[in-house]
Amino acid sequence: SRSGKPPSYYCQDNEIPRWSDAVSWIRYEIPDTNNRTAITDNITANAKEIMPTTMLPLPPIDAAISCIGNLQPRQQWKQLFGLSFDDERLYRENGIVNENACHMARKAGALRYAYISVSYEVAKCLEGPIEGYLDGKRHAERSACRLFGVDDTIVVGPSLIYGGRRFPRSGVWYRRFVESGLAKAYVGGNDFLRGLSSAPVEDWVEKMVFSSPVNVDVVAKVLSGAVMGLVTRDLVGARRQGFFDQRGKPVVYDDVVYVDGTHEIERIDQIVNLPKTDEVSPLLSEKKESVGHVTSQQEPAYEGALIGQRPYLYPLPVAATFLSIFYGIATNQFV
C-alpha cells in the first residue's frame, strides 16, 4: 500500500492476536507510467514490453487481489457547476496502475487474480459521463484476462460498499430504504410508465441509486474465496454485455468470471465455504513476531471517506441560484 502499515484504529486492538500481525506490509506506490494511446487496444502478455523498469519485485505468491480504484473528481472548480472529472487521470489510476499490479502478481508466481470493479448498473450509468473511470476498469480487466485467462480472472462488481468504519450505520439505513416497499413501488411505477412507450429507455441513474449496497465483510469473503478457486464460472454464468460508447459503437467486456451486484455477491458468499476464524487464528500467532507495531493515529470521520470530497458540493450554490430564480418566476415575484 502507499502508506505501508495501517493506522491502529483499523486493526481492532481488542483482539489478540490482531489480524494485521498476519500481514507483511510493504510501502510502495505502483506507477502509472504506461502510455494510454499506445496500448489501449494492443495489450500483450509480455511484461518486458509494457512494464516500467522500476517495478517492485514481490515474494512468491499463489494468487492476488486488487482493490485499487479511484473516482475522485478534480479539486479545482471547472465550468459552470464546478464538478468535473479528469478522464485521463482516472484511466491511469484505474487502468494502468492495475495493469502494472497484474504484471507484478504474475511475475511473483500468481496463478489466479481477483479484482474488485463495479456492478452492471453502475457501469451502465457511468459509461458516458465518467468515461475515463470505466475505460480504466475495462483496461484492468483486459490486462488481467490476458495474463491469467478468463477462468482465473475473477471480477467482483458491487455498487456501494459499506461496513467496518465506513458508513457503518448509514449504509444499513440506506439499504433498508432502497429495499423498502416504498422505494420498490417508485422504481416499479417508473418502469411501468416507461414500458408504455413505443421505445422505452432504461433509467440507469435510477437503477444505480436504488441498487442495494453490500457489506464489506461479504465482499472480502467472496474475494478470498475467488483466489482460493472456490468461485467458478459454473456458479456465475455468462457475463451480461450491452454496452456502447459515446459514438454508439458496441463495447465488449472480457467474459471473465464476474460476480455482479449485491444479491449475487451475497448468494456466492452463502455457497463459498471459507475457513472459520478459529481455523485461521493459529496463523496469526505464527506471524506475529515478524511484523512490527502499527502506527497510532487519530481516526478520521467515516474512515476518511469524506476526505477530498468537497468538489461534490460545488454544484450546490449554482443549483440553489437557479432554483431561486425559477421559484421567483413561478411565484410572480419578478412582476
Protein backbone atom coordinates (compact mmCIF):
# COMPACT_ATOMS: atom_id res chain seq x y z
CA SER A 1 0.00 0.00 0.00
CA ARG A 2 1.01 3.63 -0.29
CA SER A 3 1.22 4.08 3.48
CA GLY A 4 2.65 0.68 4.48
CA LYS A 5 1.39 -0.37 7.91
CA PRO A 6 -2.18 0.67 8.68
CA PRO A 7 -3.26 3.08 11.42
CA SER A 8 -4.09 1.42 14.72
CA TYR A 9 -7.82 2.14 14.55
CA TYR A 10 -8.15 -0.29 11.62
CA CYS A 11 -6.57 -3.17 13.49
CA GLN A 12 -9.08 -3.99 16.26
CA ASP A 13 -6.64 -3.70 19.15
CA ASN A 14 -9.01 -5.53 21.50
CA GLU A 15 -8.40 -8.76 19.56
CA ILE A 16 -5.27 -10.81 20.30
CA PRO A 17 -3.67 -11.70 18.02
CA ARG A 18 -4.54 -8.87 15.64
CA TRP A 19 -5.34 -9.62 12.02
CA SER A 20 -2.70 -7.10 10.96
CA ASP A 21 0.02 -9.21 12.57
CA ALA A 22 -0.50 -11.85 9.87
CA VAL A 23 0.26 -9.37 7.08
CA SER A 24 3.66 -8.43 5.69
CA TRP A 25 3.23 -4.74 4.93
CA ILE A 26 5.16 -3.17 2.04
CA ARG A 27 5.13 0.56 1.40
CA TYR A 28 5.10 1.14 -2.35
CA GLU A 29 3.14 3.14 -4.93
CA ILE A 30 2.57 1.29 -8.19
CA PRO A 31 3.47 3.58 -11.12
CA ASP A 32 1.05 4.69 -13.84
CA THR A 33 3.71 5.36 -16.46
CA ASN A 34 2.32 3.49 -19.47
CA ASN A 35 1.05 5.43 -22.47
CA ARG A 36 -2.71 5.15 -22.95
CA THR A 37 -2.96 5.54 -26.72
CA ALA A 38 -0.16 3.08 -27.38
CA ILE A 39 -1.59 0.12 -25.52
CA THR A 40 -5.36 0.60 -25.13
CA ASP A 41 -6.12 -1.81 -27.96
CA ASN A 42 -2.83 -3.70 -28.01
CA ILE A 43 -2.22 -5.30 -24.62
CA THR A 44 0.28 -8.13 -24.68
CA ALA A 45 1.29 -10.72 -22.11
CA ASN A 46 4.95 -9.78 -22.44
CA ALA A 47 5.76 -7.88 -19.27
CA LYS A 48 9.02 -6.53 -20.71
CA GLU A 49 7.18 -4.66 -23.44
CA ILE A 50 4.87 -2.57 -21.27
CA MET A 51 6.06 -2.77 -17.66
CA PRO A 52 8.04 0.09 -16.13
CA THR A 53 11.58 -0.85 -15.22
CA THR A 54 11.15 0.30 -11.62
CA MET A 55 8.53 -2.27 -10.56
CA LEU A 56 8.95 -3.65 -7.06
CA PRO A 57 9.63 -7.42 -7.03
CA LEU A 58 7.22 -9.34 -4.80
CA PRO A 59 7.95 -12.52 -2.85
CA PRO A 60 6.45 -15.74 -4.27
CA ILE A 61 2.62 -15.71 -4.11
CA ASP A 62 -0.14 -18.08 -5.21
CA ALA A 63 -2.81 -15.50 -6.06
CA ALA A 64 -3.54 -11.78 -5.84
CA ILE A 65 -6.47 -9.50 -5.02
CA SER A 66 -6.61 -5.92 -6.30
CA CYS A 67 -8.77 -3.29 -4.59
CA ILE A 68 -7.11 -0.45 -6.50
CA GLY A 69 -9.55 2.15 -7.74
CA ASN A 70 -10.16 5.90 -7.79
CA LEU A 71 -13.22 8.01 -8.59
CA GLN A 72 -12.02 11.31 -7.16
CA PRO A 73 -13.16 14.46 -9.02
CA ARG A 74 -10.93 17.39 -9.84
CA GLN A 75 -10.26 19.60 -6.83
CA GLN A 76 -10.43 22.75 -8.99
CA TRP A 77 -13.71 24.42 -9.96
CA LYS A 78 -14.46 23.73 -13.63
CA GLN A 79 -17.11 25.17 -15.94
CA LEU A 80 -20.46 26.36 -14.58
CA PHE A 81 -21.28 23.83 -11.89
CA GLY A 82 -17.69 23.24 -10.76
CA LEU A 83 -17.78 19.44 -10.56
CA SER A 84 -15.69 17.64 -13.18
CA PHE A 85 -13.51 14.59 -13.64
CA ASP A 86 -10.12 14.15 -15.28
CA ASP A 87 -10.72 11.17 -17.58
CA GLU A 88 -7.03 10.74 -18.36
CA ARG A 89 -6.08 10.57 -14.69
CA LEU A 90 -8.96 8.20 -13.90
CA TYR A 91 -7.88 5.96 -16.75
CA ARG A 92 -4.30 5.79 -15.49
CA GLU A 93 -5.17 5.24 -11.84
CA ASN A 94 -7.87 2.63 -12.51
CA GLY A 95 -6.37 1.02 -15.59
CA ILE A 96 -2.61 1.40 -15.93
CA VAL A 97 -1.91 1.02 -12.21
CA ASN A 98 -3.96 -2.18 -12.11
CA GLU A 99 -2.24 -3.41 -15.25
CA ASN A 100 1.13 -3.00 -13.57
CA ALA A 101 -0.24 -4.74 -10.46
CA CYS A 102 -1.26 -7.68 -12.66
CA HIS A 103 2.26 -7.97 -14.02
CA MET A 104 3.78 -7.75 -10.55
CA ALA A 105 1.50 -10.55 -9.35
CA ARG A 106 2.14 -12.73 -12.39
CA LYS A 107 5.90 -12.26 -12.13
CA ALA A 108 5.70 -13.32 -8.47
CA GLY A 109 4.05 -16.58 -9.48
CA ALA A 110 0.34 -15.83 -9.00
CA LEU A 111 -1.93 -18.16 -10.97
CA ARG A 112 -5.24 -16.53 -10.09
CA TYR A 113 -6.26 -12.87 -9.90
CA ALA A 114 -9.33 -11.28 -8.28
CA TYR A 115 -10.29 -7.70 -8.93
CA ILE A 116 -12.98 -5.51 -7.40
CA SER A 117 -14.80 -3.48 -10.05
CA VAL A 118 -18.39 -2.17 -10.30
CA SER A 119 -21.80 -3.69 -10.86
CA TYR A 120 -23.56 -3.81 -14.22
CA GLU A 121 -25.92 -0.96 -13.23
CA VAL A 122 -23.06 1.30 -12.14
CA ALA A 123 -21.12 0.57 -15.32
CA LYS A 124 -24.16 1.37 -17.48
CA CYS A 125 -24.74 4.61 -15.59
CA LEU A 126 -21.16 5.89 -15.67
CA GLU A 127 -20.11 4.65 -19.12
CA GLY A 128 -20.70 8.02 -20.78
CA PRO A 129 -20.50 10.66 -18.03
CA ILE A 130 -17.23 9.41 -16.47
CA GLU A 131 -15.66 7.63 -19.41
CA GLY A 132 -12.11 7.50 -18.05
CA TYR A 133 -13.21 5.60 -14.96
CA LEU A 134 -14.91 2.80 -16.91
CA ASP A 135 -12.18 2.74 -19.58
CA GLY A 136 -9.67 2.21 -16.78
CA LYS A 137 -11.74 -0.57 -15.19
CA ARG A 138 -12.12 -2.30 -18.54
CA HIS A 139 -8.41 -1.95 -19.25
CA ALA A 140 -7.59 -3.50 -15.88
CA GLU A 141 -9.87 -6.46 -16.55
CA ARG A 142 -8.40 -6.99 -20.01
CA SER A 143 -4.86 -6.88 -18.65
CA ALA A 144 -5.70 -9.49 -16.01
CA CYS A 145 -7.52 -11.60 -18.58
CA ARG A 146 -4.54 -11.67 -20.93
CA LEU A 147 -2.17 -12.66 -18.13
CA PHE A 148 -4.31 -15.08 -16.11
CA GLY A 149 -7.00 -16.23 -18.54
CA VAL A 150 -10.77 -15.80 -18.41
CA ASP A 151 -11.31 -18.62 -15.92
CA ASP A 152 -8.65 -17.49 -13.46
CA THR A 153 -9.60 -13.81 -13.55
CA ILE A 154 -12.44 -13.17 -11.12
CA VAL A 155 -14.13 -9.77 -11.03
CA VAL A 156 -16.45 -8.82 -8.18
CA GLY A 157 -18.79 -5.95 -9.03
CA PRO A 158 -20.55 -4.26 -6.10
CA SER A 159 -22.47 -0.99 -6.30
CA LEU A 160 -21.76 0.70 -2.96
CA ILE A 161 -19.73 -0.93 -0.17
CA TYR A 162 -20.31 -0.10 3.48
CA GLY A 163 -19.23 -1.54 6.81
CA GLY A 164 -16.23 -1.57 9.09
CA ARG A 165 -15.64 2.08 9.87
CA ARG A 166 -17.05 3.41 6.62
CA PHE A 167 -20.72 4.42 6.94
CA PRO A 168 -21.45 1.56 9.39
CA ARG A 169 -24.93 2.87 10.26
CA SER A 170 -25.92 4.97 7.25
CA GLY A 171 -25.05 2.08 4.93
CA VAL A 172 -27.53 -0.15 6.71
CA TRP A 173 -30.18 2.57 6.70
CA TYR A 174 -29.63 3.26 3.01
CA ARG A 175 -30.04 -0.43 2.18
CA ARG A 176 -33.26 -0.61 4.20
CA PHE A 177 -34.57 2.37 2.26
CA VAL A 178 -33.77 1.10 -1.26
CA GLU A 179 -35.23 -2.31 -0.38
CA SER A 180 -38.35 -0.86 1.24
CA GLY A 181 -41.78 -1.25 -0.28
CA LEU A 182 -41.97 2.48 -0.99
CA ALA A 183 -38.73 2.52 -2.98
CA LYS A 184 -39.67 -0.64 -4.89
CA ALA A 185 -43.07 0.84 -5.71
CA TYR A 186 -41.41 4.01 -7.01
CA VAL A 187 -38.97 2.13 -9.23
CA GLY A 188 -41.63 -0.32 -10.40
CA GLY A 189 -44.03 2.52 -11.22
CA ASN A 190 -41.40 4.30 -13.30
CA ASP A 191 -40.57 1.08 -15.13
CA PHE A 192 -44.26 0.56 -15.87
CA LEU A 193 -44.67 4.08 -17.26
CA ARG A 194 -41.54 3.75 -19.40
CA GLY A 195 -42.86 0.42 -20.68
CA LEU A 196 -45.89 2.20 -22.15
CA SER A 197 -43.62 3.99 -24.60
CA SER A 198 -43.12 2.54 -28.07
CA ALA A 199 -39.35 2.89 -27.49
CA PRO A 200 -38.75 2.51 -23.73
CA VAL A 201 -35.39 3.67 -22.37
CA GLU A 202 -33.76 2.34 -19.22
CA ASP A 203 -33.04 4.85 -16.46
CA TRP A 204 -29.63 3.63 -15.32
CA VAL A 205 -29.14 6.51 -12.89
CA GLU A 206 -32.27 5.40 -11.06
CA LYS A 207 -31.18 1.77 -11.13
CA MET A 208 -27.78 2.66 -9.69
CA VAL A 209 -29.19 4.89 -6.95
CA PHE A 210 -31.75 2.26 -5.91
CA SER A 211 -29.37 -0.72 -6.07
CA SER A 212 -28.62 -2.31 -2.71
CA PRO A 213 -25.24 -1.63 -1.08
CA VAL A 214 -23.23 -4.57 0.24
CA ASN A 215 -21.31 -5.14 3.45
CA VAL A 216 -17.52 -5.04 3.14
CA ASP A 217 -17.12 -8.33 5.04
CA VAL A 218 -19.22 -10.15 2.44
CA VAL A 219 -17.17 -8.69 -0.41
CA ALA A 220 -13.94 -9.67 1.36
CA LYS A 221 -15.08 -13.26 1.83
CA VAL A 222 -16.09 -13.61 -1.82
CA LEU A 223 -12.76 -12.16 -2.99
CA SER A 224 -10.91 -14.53 -0.68
CA GLY A 225 -12.91 -17.47 -1.96
CA ALA A 226 -12.23 -16.35 -5.52
CA VAL A 227 -8.44 -16.53 -5.22
CA MET A 228 -8.80 -19.89 -3.46
CA GLY A 229 -10.52 -21.28 -6.56
CA LEU A 230 -13.97 -21.55 -4.96
CA VAL A 231 -15.72 -19.06 -7.28
CA THR A 232 -16.05 -20.64 -10.73
CA ARG A 233 -17.85 -19.89 -13.97
CA ASP A 234 -20.43 -22.57 -13.23
CA LEU A 235 -21.56 -20.54 -10.21
CA VAL A 236 -21.99 -17.19 -12.02
CA GLY A 237 -22.74 -17.99 -15.67
CA ALA A 238 -22.02 -15.76 -18.67
CA ARG A 239 -21.40 -12.06 -18.25
CA ARG A 240 -24.01 -9.51 -19.34
CA GLN A 241 -22.96 -7.19 -22.14
CA GLY A 242 -24.91 -4.46 -23.93
CA PHE A 243 -22.51 -1.52 -23.57
CA PHE A 244 -22.00 1.26 -26.13
CA ASP A 245 -19.53 4.12 -26.35
CA GLN A 246 -20.38 7.78 -27.00
CA ARG A 247 -20.36 7.13 -30.75
CA GLY A 248 -22.91 4.35 -30.44
CA LYS A 249 -20.47 1.55 -31.15
CA PRO A 250 -20.66 -1.61 -29.02
CA VAL A 251 -18.18 -2.01 -26.17
CA VAL A 252 -17.41 -5.61 -25.22
CA TYR A 253 -16.12 -6.63 -21.80
CA ASP A 254 -13.99 -9.74 -21.44
CA ASP A 255 -16.06 -12.75 -20.36
CA VAL A 256 -14.22 -13.28 -17.07
CA VAL A 257 -15.77 -14.90 -14.01
CA TYR A 258 -17.95 -11.96 -12.98
CA VAL A 259 -19.93 -11.72 -9.72
CA ASP A 260 -22.44 -8.98 -10.45
CA GLY A 261 -24.20 -6.90 -7.83
CA THR A 262 -25.10 -7.20 -4.18
CA HIS A 263 -27.54 -10.09 -4.35
CA GLU A 264 -25.20 -12.17 -6.50
CA ILE A 265 -22.27 -11.42 -4.18
CA GLU A 266 -24.33 -12.49 -1.18
CA ARG A 267 -25.50 -15.63 -2.97
CA ILE A 268 -21.92 -16.62 -3.76
CA ASP A 269 -20.96 -15.86 -0.16
CA GLN A 270 -23.50 -18.43 1.03
CA ILE A 271 -22.11 -21.04 -1.37
CA VAL A 272 -18.40 -20.46 -0.78
CA ASN A 273 -17.11 -22.42 2.22
CA LEU A 274 -14.25 -20.41 3.74
CA PRO A 275 -12.22 -21.47 6.80
CA LYS A 276 -13.68 -20.31 10.09
CA THR A 277 -11.95 -17.67 12.21
CA ASP A 278 -10.73 -20.19 14.77
CA GLU A 279 -9.09 -22.20 12.00
CA VAL A 280 -7.17 -19.17 10.75
CA SER A 281 -6.17 -17.71 14.13
CA PRO A 282 -3.15 -20.03 14.67
CA LEU A 283 -1.61 -18.47 11.55
CA LEU A 284 -1.76 -15.08 13.23
CA SER A 285 0.27 -16.27 16.20
CA GLU A 286 2.92 -17.76 13.90
CA LYS A 287 3.47 -14.49 12.05
CA LYS A 288 3.09 -12.11 14.94
CA GLU A 289 6.80 -11.92 15.69
CA SER A 290 7.75 -10.97 12.13
CA VAL A 291 5.65 -7.81 11.98
CA GLY A 292 6.23 -4.59 13.88
CA HIS A 293 3.64 -2.48 15.60
CA VAL A 294 1.16 -0.45 13.61
CA THR A 295 1.18 3.31 13.58
CA SER A 296 -1.05 5.10 16.07
CA GLN A 297 -3.19 7.86 14.58
CA GLN A 298 -6.48 9.56 15.33
CA GLU A 299 -9.32 8.04 13.37
CA PRO A 300 -10.83 10.42 10.77
CA ALA A 301 -14.59 10.67 10.48
CA TYR A 302 -16.17 7.88 8.44
CA GLU A 303 -12.83 6.16 7.80
CA GLY A 304 -11.67 9.15 5.80
CA ALA A 305 -14.36 8.55 3.18
CA LEU A 306 -15.20 12.28 3.13
CA ILE A 307 -11.60 13.43 2.64
CA GLY A 308 -11.20 15.09 -0.74
CA GLN A 309 -14.95 15.00 -1.46
CA ARG A 310 -15.53 18.77 -1.30
CA PRO A 311 -15.88 19.07 -5.13
CA TYR A 312 -19.16 17.14 -4.89
CA LEU A 313 -20.56 20.20 -3.09
CA TYR A 314 -19.52 22.62 -5.85
CA PRO A 315 -22.79 22.36 -7.87
CA LEU A 316 -24.95 23.25 -4.84
CA PRO A 317 -24.57 27.08 -4.90
CA VAL A 318 -25.23 27.27 -8.66
CA ALA A 319 -28.17 24.89 -8.38
CA ALA A 320 -29.57 26.89 -5.47
CA THR A 321 -29.27 30.10 -7.52
CA PHE A 322 -31.18 28.63 -10.46
CA LEU A 323 -33.85 27.20 -8.17
CA SER A 324 -34.36 30.58 -6.51
CA ILE A 325 -34.77 32.21 -9.94
CA PHE A 326 -37.24 29.56 -11.09
CA TYR A 327 -39.15 29.92 -7.81
CA GLY A 328 -39.30 33.68 -8.22
CA ILE A 329 -40.67 33.35 -11.76
CA ALA A 330 -43.21 30.71 -10.74
CA THR A 331 -44.49 32.87 -7.89
CA ASN A 332 -44.57 36.07 -9.97
CA GLN A 333 -42.06 37.80 -7.71
CA PHE A 334 -40.40 39.48 -10.72
CA VAL A 335 -43.63 41.04 -11.97
